[in-house]
């Protein structure tokens, strides 16, 4: 009985491990499919929906989207709260390579929209955990 249980348990952990690894590769594959250059252009010239979608796609690309940081920063002052939130989200997913956005993100921490502020807190912690780790841990506001 004990031997069967141990074999079953080992099999289960093996399956879970493979599933976890395959999930990682799917995320990596999705990140590699994002056309960072095209999404950066959409941030500059697209309408509201196009800019929202571009922010989400750039967030999927993670650190690969670092060249888009300069185009994302102005969106932190957009009139549309959802654009501001998604720009902050994308910058947070880019991570430490988005340090140029820290002053604009810190300014956005006073935004009247709570969901924007929640995302700003998460993004600041993601970009610069050493200096912003003391910020209150908020729930994710990812799309």
Protein backbone atom coordinates (compact mmCIF):
# COMPACT_ATOMS: atom_id res chain seq x y z
CA UNK A 1 0.00 0.00 0.00
CA UNK A 2 2.75 2.46 0.97
CA UNK A 3 4.76 1.68 -2.15
CA UNK A 4 1.77 2.26 -4.44
CA UNK A 5 1.04 5.55 -2.70
CA UNK A 6 4.63 6.72 -3.10
CA UNK A 7 4.68 5.80 -6.81
CA UNK A 8 1.37 7.61 -7.34
CA UNK A 9 2.63 10.65 -5.45
CA UNK A 10 5.86 10.73 -7.46
CA UNK A 11 3.88 10.46 -10.71
CA UNK A 12 1.59 13.29 -9.65
CA UNK A 13 4.53 15.59 -8.86
CA UNK A 14 6.14 14.69 -12.18
CA UNK A 15 2.97 15.61 -14.06
CA UNK A 16 2.63 18.85 -12.12
CA UNK A 17 6.26 19.71 -12.87
CA UNK A 18 5.81 19.15 -16.60
CA UNK A 19 2.60 21.20 -16.56
CA UNK A 20 4.34 24.05 -14.76
CA UNK A 21 7.26 24.02 -17.18
CA UNK A 22 5.01 23.91 -20.22
CA UNK A 23 3.09 26.90 -18.85
CA UNK A 24 6.33 28.85 -18.58
CA UNK A 25 7.26 28.10 -22.15
CA UNK A 26 3.84 29.24 -23.36
CA UNK A 27 4.30 32.56 -21.58
CA UNK A 28 7.78 32.91 -23.05
CA UNK A 29 6.43 32.09 -26.51
CA UNK A 30 3.67 34.70 -26.12
CA UNK A 31 6.23 37.30 -25.06
CA UNK A 32 8.36 36.56 -28.10
CA UNK A 33 5.40 37.00 -30.45
CA UNK A 34 4.80 40.61 -29.38
CA UNK A 35 5.97 43.09 -32.00
CA UNK A 36 7.40 45.70 -29.63
CA UNK A 37 8.09 48.19 -32.42
CA UNK A 38 4.53 48.02 -33.78
CA UNK A 39 3.04 48.28 -30.30
CA UNK A 40 5.22 51.30 -29.54
CA UNK A 41 3.92 52.99 -32.69
CA UNK A 42 0.33 52.16 -31.66
CA UNK A 43 0.95 53.97 -28.36
CA UNK A 44 1.86 57.13 -30.25
CA UNK A 45 -0.66 57.17 -33.06
CA UNK A 46 -3.50 54.84 -32.18
CA UNK A 47 -6.89 55.64 -30.72
CA UNK A 48 -7.83 54.86 -27.14
CA UNK A 49 -8.60 51.17 -27.75
CA UNK A 50 -5.42 50.69 -29.78
CA UNK A 51 -3.35 52.27 -27.00
CA UNK A 52 -5.01 50.04 -24.39
CA UNK A 53 -4.28 46.94 -26.46
CA UNK A 54 -0.70 48.07 -27.08
CA UNK A 55 -0.14 48.51 -23.32
CA UNK A 56 -1.44 45.00 -22.66
CA UNK A 57 0.72 43.50 -25.41
CA UNK A 58 3.81 45.34 -24.19
CA UNK A 59 3.12 44.05 -20.68
CA UNK A 60 3.05 40.52 -22.12
CA UNK A 61 6.47 41.13 -23.65
CA UNK A 62 7.86 42.02 -20.23
CA UNK A 63 11.52 43.13 -20.24
CA UNK A 64 11.65 42.74 -24.03
CA UNK A 65 9.44 45.85 -24.20
CA UNK A 66 12.11 48.08 -22.62
CA UNK A 67 12.44 50.11 -25.87
CA UNK A 68 8.81 51.23 -25.36
CA UNK A 69 9.41 52.86 -21.96
CA UNK A 70 9.83 56.35 -23.42
CA UNK A 71 6.52 56.00 -25.30
CA UNK A 72 4.69 54.65 -22.23
CA UNK A 73 5.69 57.48 -19.87
CA UNK A 74 3.50 60.19 -21.49
CA UNK A 75 0.50 57.87 -21.21
CA UNK A 76 0.77 58.13 -17.43
CA UNK A 77 -0.75 61.62 -17.87
CA UNK A 78 -3.51 60.56 -20.26
CA UNK A 79 -7.05 61.84 -19.56
CA UNK A 80 -8.34 58.25 -19.62
CA UNK A 81 -7.78 56.48 -16.28
CA UNK A 82 -7.69 53.07 -17.96
CA UNK A 83 -4.87 54.20 -20.24
CA UNK A 84 -2.95 55.51 -17.21
CA UNK A 85 -3.48 52.22 -15.37
CA UNK A 86 -2.46 50.05 -18.32
CA UNK A 87 0.63 52.16 -19.01
CA UNK A 88 1.65 51.73 -15.37
CA UNK A 89 0.93 48.00 -15.66
CA UNK A 90 3.12 47.67 -18.77
CA UNK A 91 5.95 49.56 -17.10
CA UNK A 92 5.73 47.30 -14.06
CA UNK A 93 5.89 44.20 -16.24
CA UNK A 94 8.96 45.58 -18.00
CA UNK A 95 10.53 45.74 -14.56
CA UNK A 96 13.86 47.33 -13.60
CA UNK A 97 14.53 48.35 -17.21
CA UNK A 98 11.70 50.89 -16.79
CA UNK A 99 13.53 52.95 -14.12
CA UNK A 100 13.23 56.07 -16.28
CA UNK A 101 9.49 56.00 -15.49
CA UNK A 102 9.92 56.10 -11.70
CA UNK A 103 9.44 59.89 -11.27
CA UNK A 104 6.28 59.90 -13.40
CA UNK A 105 4.93 56.81 -11.61
CA UNK A 106 5.63 58.35 -8.20
CA UNK A 107 3.70 61.45 -9.27
CA UNK A 108 0.82 59.25 -10.41
CA UNK A 109 0.55 57.79 -6.90
CA UNK A 110 -1.78 60.74 -6.16
CA UNK A 111 -4.19 59.86 -8.96
CA UNK A 112 -7.88 60.26 -8.03
CA UNK A 113 -8.66 56.80 -9.41
CA UNK A 114 -8.00 54.06 -6.83
CA UNK A 115 -7.36 51.37 -9.45
CA UNK A 116 -4.64 53.55 -11.00
CA UNK A 117 -3.00 54.09 -7.61
CA UNK A 118 -3.14 50.35 -6.87
CA UNK A 119 -1.36 49.60 -10.14
CA UNK A 120 1.19 52.35 -9.57
CA UNK A 121 2.11 50.83 -6.19
CA UNK A 122 2.56 47.40 -7.76
CA UNK A 123 4.58 48.82 -10.64
CA UNK A 124 6.89 50.85 -8.39
CA UNK A 125 7.59 47.72 -6.35
CA UNK A 126 8.27 45.73 -9.52
CA UNK A 127 10.59 48.29 -11.09
CA UNK A 128 12.55 49.22 -7.97
CA UNK A 129 11.89 46.71 -5.18
CA UNK A 130 14.82 47.96 -3.11
CA UNK A 131 13.37 51.45 -2.68
CA UNK A 132 9.66 50.69 -2.90
CA UNK A 133 9.32 47.36 -1.09
CA UNK A 134 7.85 49.15 1.94
CA UNK A 135 4.81 50.29 -0.01
CA UNK A 136 1.56 48.67 0.98
CA UNK A 137 1.06 45.44 -0.94
CA UNK A 138 -1.97 45.87 -3.18
CA UNK A 139 -3.83 43.28 -5.16
CA UNK A 140 -2.95 43.03 -8.81
CA UNK A 141 -4.91 45.15 -11.22
CA UNK A 142 -3.71 43.32 -14.30
CA UNK A 143 -6.20 43.20 -17.16
